[in-house]
Amino acid sequence: SFWYGLFPLVTRQWLAYSLYRGEMNLRAAT
């Protein structure tokens, strides 16, 4: 129920957060 009912609803937002944090990590890595 989590994999087919809830996970598809949050995947796009999780990916957006991960990409956003990737950009911030690039700044922090410097």
All heavy atoms as atom14 arrays in JSON, in Angstrom:
{
  "sequence": "SFWYGLFPLVTRQWLAYSLYRGEMNLRAAT",
  "atom14_mask": [
    [1, 1, 1, 1, 1, 1, 0, 0, 0, 0, 0, 0, 0, 0],
    [1, 1, 1, 1, 1, 1, 1, 1, 1, 1, 1, 0, 0, 0],
    [1, 1, 1, 1, 1, 1, 1, 1, 1, 1, 1, 1, 1, 1],
    [1, 1, 1, 1, 1, 1, 1, 1, 1, 1, 1, 1, 0, 0],
    [1, 1, 1, 1, 0, 0, 0, 0, 0, 0, 0, 0, 0, 0],
    [1, 1, 1, 1, 1, 1, 1, 1, 0, 0, 0, 0, 0, 0],
    [1, 1, 1, 1, 1, 1, 1, 1, 1, 1, 1, 0, 0, 0],
    [1, 1, 1, 1, 1, 1, 1, 0, 0, 0, 0, 0, 0, 0],
    [1, 1, 1, 1, 1, 1, 1, 1, 0, 0, 0, 0, 0, 0],
    [1, 1, 1, 1, 1, 1, 1, 0, 0, 0, 0, 0, 0, 0],
    [1, 1, 1, 1, 1, 1, 1, 0, 0, 0, 0, 0, 0, 0],
    [1, 1, 1, 1, 1, 1, 1, 1, 1, 1, 1, 0, 0, 0],
    [1, 1, 1, 1, 1, 1, 1, 1, 1, 0, 0, 0, 0, 0],
    [1, 1, 1, 1, 1, 1, 1, 1, 1, 1, 1, 1, 1, 1],
    [1, 1, 1, 1, 1, 1, 1, 1, 0, 0, 0, 0, 0, 0],
    [1, 1, 1, 1, 1, 0, 0, 0, 0, 0, 0, 0, 0, 0],
    [1, 1, 1, 1, 1, 1, 1, 1, 1, 1, 1, 1, 0, 0],
    [1, 1, 1, 1, 1, 1, 0, 0, 0, 0, 0, 0, 0, 0],
    [1, 1, 1, 1, 1, 1, 1, 1, 0, 0, 0, 0, 0, 0],
    [1, 1, 1, 1, 1, 1, 1, 1, 1, 1, 1, 1, 0, 0],
    [1, 1, 1, 1, 1, 1, 1, 1, 1, 1, 1, 0, 0, 0],
    [1, 1, 1, 1, 0, 0, 0, 0, 0, 0, 0, 0, 0, 0],
    [1, 1, 1, 1, 1, 1, 1, 1, 1, 0, 0, 0, 0, 0],
    [1, 1, 1, 1, 1, 1, 1, 1, 0, 0, 0, 0, 0, 0],
    [1, 1, 1, 1, 1, 1, 1, 1, 0, 0, 0, 0, 0, 0],
    [1, 1, 1, 1, 1, 1, 1, 1, 0, 0, 0, 0, 0, 0],
    [1, 1, 1, 1, 1, 1, 1, 1, 1, 1, 1, 0, 0, 0],
    [1, 1, 1, 1, 1, 0, 0, 0, 0, 0, 0, 0, 0, 0],
    [1, 1, 1, 1, 1, 0, 0, 0, 0, 0, 0, 0, 0, 0],
    [1, 1, 1, 1, 1, 1, 1, 0, 0, 0, 0, 0, 0, 0]
  ],
  "atom14_positions": [
    [[0.83, -1.21, 0.0], [0.0, 0.0, 0.0], [0.86, 1.26, 0.0], [0.5, 2.27, -0.62], [-0.92, 0.0, 1.21], [-0.17, -0.02, 2.42], [0.0, 0.0, 0.0], [0.0, 0.0, 0.0], [0.0, 0.0, 0.0], [0.0, 0.0, 0.0], [0.0, 0.0, 0.0], [0.0, 0.0, 0.0], [0.0, 0.0, 0.0], [0.0, 0.0, 0.0]],
    [[2.01, 1.2, 0.69], [2.92, 2.36, 0.65], [3.54, 2.51, -0.73], [3.61, 3.61, -1.28], [4.02, 2.2, 1.7], [5.12, 3.21, 1.59], [4.97, 4.48, 2.12], [6.32, 2.91, 0.95], [5.97, 5.43, 2.01], [7.33, 3.85, 0.82], [7.15, 5.11, 1.36], [0.0, 0.0, 0.0], [0.0, 0.0, 0.0], [0.0, 0.0, 0.0]],
    [[4.0, 1.39, -1.32], [4.74, 1.45, -2.58], [3.84, 1.91, -3.73], [4.29, 2.67, -4.6], [5.34, 0.08, -2.88], [6.24, 0.07, -4.08], [5.97, -0.42, -5.32], [7.56, 0.59, -4.15], [7.03, -0.25, -6.16], [8.03, 0.38, -5.46], [8.39, 1.23, -3.24], [9.29, 0.78, -5.88], [9.65, 1.61, -3.65], [10.09, 1.39, -4.96]],
    [[2.58, 1.47, -3.74], [1.7, 1.79, -4.86], [0.71, 2.92, -4.54], [0.16, 3.52, -5.47], [0.91, 0.54, -5.29], [1.79, -0.54, -5.85], [2.1, -1.67, -5.09], [2.33, -0.44, -7.13], [2.91, -2.67, -5.59], [3.15, -1.43, -7.64], [3.45, -2.55, -6.87], [4.26, -3.53, -7.36], [0.0, 0.0, 0.0], [0.0, 0.0, 0.0]],
    [[0.5, 3.21, -3.26], [-0.48, 4.22, -2.92], [0.09, 5.55, -2.48], [-0.51, 6.6, -2.73], [0.0, 0.0, 0.0], [0.0, 0.0, 0.0], [0.0, 0.0, 0.0], [0.0, 0.0, 0.0], [0.0, 0.0, 0.0], [0.0, 0.0, 0.0], [0.0, 0.0, 0.0], [0.0, 0.0, 0.0], [0.0, 0.0, 0.0], [0.0, 0.0, 0.0]],
    [[1.25, 5.53, -1.8], [1.81, 6.76, -1.26], [3.08, 7.18, -1.97], [3.3, 8.38, -2.22], [2.08, 6.58, 0.24], [2.45, 7.84, 1.04], [1.36, 8.89, 0.92], [2.69, 7.49, 2.5], [0.0, 0.0, 0.0], [0.0, 0.0, 0.0], [0.0, 0.0, 0.0], [0.0, 0.0, 0.0], [0.0, 0.0, 0.0], [0.0, 0.0, 0.0]],
    [[3.93, 6.22, -2.29], [5.22, 6.56, -2.89], [5.09, 7.32, -4.21], [5.84, 8.29, -4.43], [6.05, 5.28, -3.08], [7.44, 5.52, -3.56], [8.4, 6.06, -2.71], [7.81, 5.23, -4.87], [9.69, 6.29, -3.16], [9.09, 5.46, -5.32], [10.03, 5.99, -4.46], [0.0, 0.0, 0.0], [0.0, 0.0, 0.0], [0.0, 0.0, 0.0]],
    [[4.18, 6.95, -5.11], [4.06, 7.73, -6.36], [3.68, 9.19, -6.13], [3.99, 10.06, -6.96], [2.97, 7.0, -7.14], [2.98, 5.61, -6.6], [3.3, 5.76, -5.15], [0.0, 0.0, 0.0], [0.0, 0.0, 0.0], [0.0, 0.0, 0.0], [0.0, 0.0, 0.0], [0.0, 0.0, 0.0], [0.0, 0.0, 0.0], [0.0, 0.0, 0.0]],
    [[3.0, 9.5, -5.01], [2.58, 10.87, -4.75], [3.73, 11.76, -4.3], [3.66, 12.98, -4.46], [1.48, 10.88, -3.68], [0.2, 10.1, -4.0], [-0.77, 10.18, -2.83], [-0.45, 10.65, -5.26], [0.0, 0.0, 0.0], [0.0, 0.0, 0.0], [0.0, 0.0, 0.0], [0.0, 0.0, 0.0], [0.0, 0.0, 0.0], [0.0, 0.0, 0.0]],
    [[4.76, 11.16, -3.69], [5.85, 11.96, -3.13], [7.14, 11.87, -3.94], [8.1, 12.59, -3.65], [6.13, 11.52, -1.67], [4.9, 11.71, -0.81], [6.59, 10.07, -1.62], [0.0, 0.0, 0.0], [0.0, 0.0, 0.0], [0.0, 0.0, 0.0], [0.0, 0.0, 0.0], [0.0, 0.0, 0.0], [0.0, 0.0, 0.0], [0.0, 0.0, 0.0]],
    [[7.19, 11.02, -4.95], [8.43, 10.8, -5.69], [8.92, 12.09, -6.33], [10.12, 12.43, -6.25], [8.23, 9.72, -6.77], [7.78, 8.53, -6.16], [9.53, 9.45, -7.5], [0.0, 0.0, 0.0], [0.0, 0.0, 0.0], [0.0, 0.0, 0.0], [0.0, 0.0, 0.0], [0.0, 0.0, 0.0], [0.0, 0.0, 0.0], [0.0, 0.0, 0.0]],
    [[8.02, 12.81, -6.97], [8.41, 14.03, -7.68], [8.97, 15.08, -6.71], [9.99, 15.71, -6.99], [7.21, 14.6, -8.44], [7.53, 15.8, -9.31], [6.29, 16.27, -10.05], [6.57, 17.41, -10.87], [7.02, 17.37, -12.11], [7.28, 16.19, -12.66], [7.24, 18.46, -12.81], [0.0, 0.0, 0.0], [0.0, 0.0, 0.0], [0.0, 0.0, 0.0]],
    [[8.33, 15.23, -5.56], [8.8, 16.2, -4.57], [10.13, 15.77, -3.97], [11.02, 16.6, -3.75], [7.74, 16.36, -3.48], [8.0, 17.52, -2.52], [7.69, 18.87, -3.14], [7.32, 18.93, -4.31], [7.86, 19.93, -2.39], [0.0, 0.0, 0.0], [0.0, 0.0, 0.0], [0.0, 0.0, 0.0], [0.0, 0.0, 0.0], [0.0, 0.0, 0.0]],
    [[10.3, 14.49, -3.71], [11.57, 14.0, -3.17], [12.7, 14.23, -4.16], [13.81, 14.61, -3.77], [11.46, 12.51, -2.84], [10.68, 12.24, -1.59], [10.01, 13.15, -0.83], [10.51, 10.97, -0.96], [9.41, 12.53, 0.24], [9.69, 11.19, 0.19], [10.93, 9.68, -1.23], [9.32, 10.16, 1.05], [10.54, 8.65, -0.38], [9.77, 8.89, 0.75]],
    [[12.42, 14.0, -5.44], [13.45, 14.22, -6.45], [13.81, 15.7, -6.53], [14.98, 16.07, -6.67], [12.96, 13.71, -7.81], [13.94, 13.87, -8.99], [15.24, 13.13, -8.71], [13.31, 13.37, -10.28], [0.0, 0.0, 0.0], [0.0, 0.0, 0.0], [0.0, 0.0, 0.0], [0.0, 0.0, 0.0], [0.0, 0.0, 0.0], [0.0, 0.0, 0.0]],
    [[12.81, 16.55, -6.43], [13.06, 18.0, -6.47], [13.92, 18.43, -5.28], [14.86, 19.21, -5.43], [11.74, 18.76, -6.48], [0.0, 0.0, 0.0], [0.0, 0.0, 0.0], [0.0, 0.0, 0.0], [0.0, 0.0, 0.0], [0.0, 0.0, 0.0], [0.0, 0.0, 0.0], [0.0, 0.0, 0.0], [0.0, 0.0, 0.0], [0.0, 0.0, 0.0]],
    [[13.59, 17.92, -4.09], [14.39, 18.25, -2.91], [15.83, 17.75, -3.06], [16.78, 18.43, -2.68], [13.76, 17.64, -1.66], [12.66, 18.45, -1.06], [11.42, 17.87, -0.77], [12.85, 19.8, -0.76], [10.4, 18.62, -0.2], [11.83, 20.55, -0.19], [10.61, 19.95, 0.08], [9.6, 20.7, 0.64], [0.0, 0.0, 0.0], [0.0, 0.0, 0.0]],
    [[16.0, 16.56, -3.6], [17.35, 15.99, -3.75], [18.18, 16.81, -4.73], [19.37, 17.06, -4.5], [17.26, 14.53, -4.22], [16.55, 13.74, -3.28], [0.0, 0.0, 0.0], [0.0, 0.0, 0.0], [0.0, 0.0, 0.0], [0.0, 0.0, 0.0], [0.0, 0.0, 0.0], [0.0, 0.0, 0.0], [0.0, 0.0, 0.0], [0.0, 0.0, 0.0]],
    [[17.57, 17.22, -5.83], [18.3, 18.04, -6.8], [18.65, 19.4, -6.21], [19.74, 19.94, -6.44], [17.46, 18.21, -8.07], [17.26, 16.95, -8.92], [16.29, 17.22, -10.05], [18.58, 16.44, -9.46], [0.0, 0.0, 0.0], [0.0, 0.0, 0.0], [0.0, 0.0, 0.0], [0.0, 0.0, 0.0], [0.0, 0.0, 0.0], [0.0, 0.0, 0.0]],
    [[17.72, 19.96, -5.46], [17.97, 21.25, -4.82], [19.12, 21.14, -3.82], [20.02, 21.99, -3.76], [16.68, 21.7, -4.13], [16.81, 22.97, -3.31], [17.46, 24.09, -3.81], [16.26, 23.04, -2.04], [17.56, 25.24, -3.06], [16.34, 24.2, -1.29], [17.01, 25.29, -1.81], [17.1, 26.43, -1.06], [0.0, 0.0, 0.0], [0.0, 0.0, 0.0]],
    [[19.12, 20.09, -3.02], [20.2, 19.89, -2.06], [21.51, 19.59, -2.77], [22.6, 19.92, -2.28], [19.86, 18.77, -1.1], [18.79, 19.08, -0.1], [19.11, 20.26, 0.75], [20.41, 20.2, 1.39], [20.87, 21.1, 2.25], [20.13, 22.14, 2.56], [22.07, 20.97, 2.79], [0.0, 0.0, 0.0], [0.0, 0.0, 0.0], [0.0, 0.0, 0.0]],
    [[21.46, 18.95, -3.94], [22.69, 18.71, -4.7], [23.36, 20.0, -5.1], [24.59, 20.14, -5.02], [0.0, 0.0, 0.0], [0.0, 0.0, 0.0], [0.0, 0.0, 0.0], [0.0, 0.0, 0.0], [0.0, 0.0, 0.0], [0.0, 0.0, 0.0], [0.0, 0.0, 0.0], [0.0, 0.0, 0.0], [0.0, 0.0, 0.0], [0.0, 0.0, 0.0]],
    [[22.55, 20.98, -5.53], [23.12, 22.28, -5.87], [23.73, 22.96, -4.64], [24.81, 23.55, -4.7], [22.02, 23.16, -6.46], [22.49, 24.56, -6.83], [21.35, 25.47, -7.22], [20.26, 24.95, -7.53], [21.54, 26.7, -7.2], [0.0, 0.0, 0.0], [0.0, 0.0, 0.0], [0.0, 0.0, 0.0], [0.0, 0.0, 0.0], [0.0, 0.0, 0.0]],
    [[23.06, 22.86, -3.51], [23.58, 23.47, -2.29], [24.83, 22.74, -1.8], [25.75, 23.35, -1.25], [22.49, 23.47, -1.21], [21.25, 24.24, -1.61], [19.97, 24.29, -0.35], [20.68, 25.47, 0.79], [0.0, 0.0, 0.0], [0.0, 0.0, 0.0], [0.0, 0.0, 0.0], [0.0, 0.0, 0.0], [0.0, 0.0, 0.0], [0.0, 0.0, 0.0]],
    [[24.89, 21.42, -1.98], [26.08, 20.68, -1.6], [27.28, 21.07, -2.45], [28.42, 21.04, -1.97], [25.83, 19.18, -1.72], [25.06, 18.62, -0.55], [24.94, 19.26, 0.48], [24.52, 17.42, -0.71], [0.0, 0.0, 0.0], [0.0, 0.0, 0.0], [0.0, 0.0, 0.0], [0.0, 0.0, 0.0], [0.0, 0.0, 0.0], [0.0, 0.0, 0.0]],
    [[27.03, 21.43, -3.7], [28.13, 21.87, -4.55], [28.72, 23.16, -4.01], [29.95, 23.35, -4.01], [27.62, 22.07, -5.98], [28.69, 22.37, -7.04], [29.68, 21.21, -7.14], [28.05, 22.62, -8.39], [0.0, 0.0, 0.0], [0.0, 0.0, 0.0], [0.0, 0.0, 0.0], [0.0, 0.0, 0.0], [0.0, 0.0, 0.0], [0.0, 0.0, 0.0]],
    [[27.89, 24.06, -3.53], [28.39, 25.28, -2.9], [29.15, 24.95, -1.62], [30.22, 25.5, -1.36], [27.23, 26.23, -2.59], [26.5, 26.78, -3.8], [25.26, 27.52, -3.35], [24.52, 28.07, -4.47], [24.67, 29.31, -4.93], [25.55, 30.11, -4.38], [23.96, 29.75, -5.95], [0.0, 0.0, 0.0], [0.0, 0.0, 0.0], [0.0, 0.0, 0.0]],
    [[28.57, 24.06, -0.8], [29.21, 23.72, 0.47], [30.54, 23.01, 0.26], [31.48, 23.18, 1.04], [28.27, 22.86, 1.31], [0.0, 0.0, 0.0], [0.0, 0.0, 0.0], [0.0, 0.0, 0.0], [0.0, 0.0, 0.0], [0.0, 0.0, 0.0], [0.0, 0.0, 0.0], [0.0, 0.0, 0.0], [0.0, 0.0, 0.0], [0.0, 0.0, 0.0]],
    [[30.64, 22.2, -0.81], [31.88, 21.45, -1.05], [33.06, 22.36, -1.36], [34.22, 21.97, -1.17], [31.67, 20.47, -2.21], [0.0, 0.0, 0.0], [0.0, 0.0, 0.0], [0.0, 0.0, 0.0], [0.0, 0.0, 0.0], [0.0, 0.0, 0.0], [0.0, 0.0, 0.0], [0.0, 0.0, 0.0], [0.0, 0.0, 0.0], [0.0, 0.0, 0.0]],
    [[32.79, 23.58, -1.8], [33.89, 24.5, -2.12], [34.57, 25.06, -0.88], [35.64, 25.64, -0.98], [33.38, 25.67, -2.98], [32.38, 26.39, -2.25], [32.78, 25.16, -4.29], [0.0, 0.0, 0.0], [0.0, 0.0, 0.0], [0.0, 0.0, 0.0], [0.0, 0.0, 0.0], [0.0, 0.0, 0.0], [0.0, 0.0, 0.0], [0.0, 0.0, 0.0]]
  ]
}
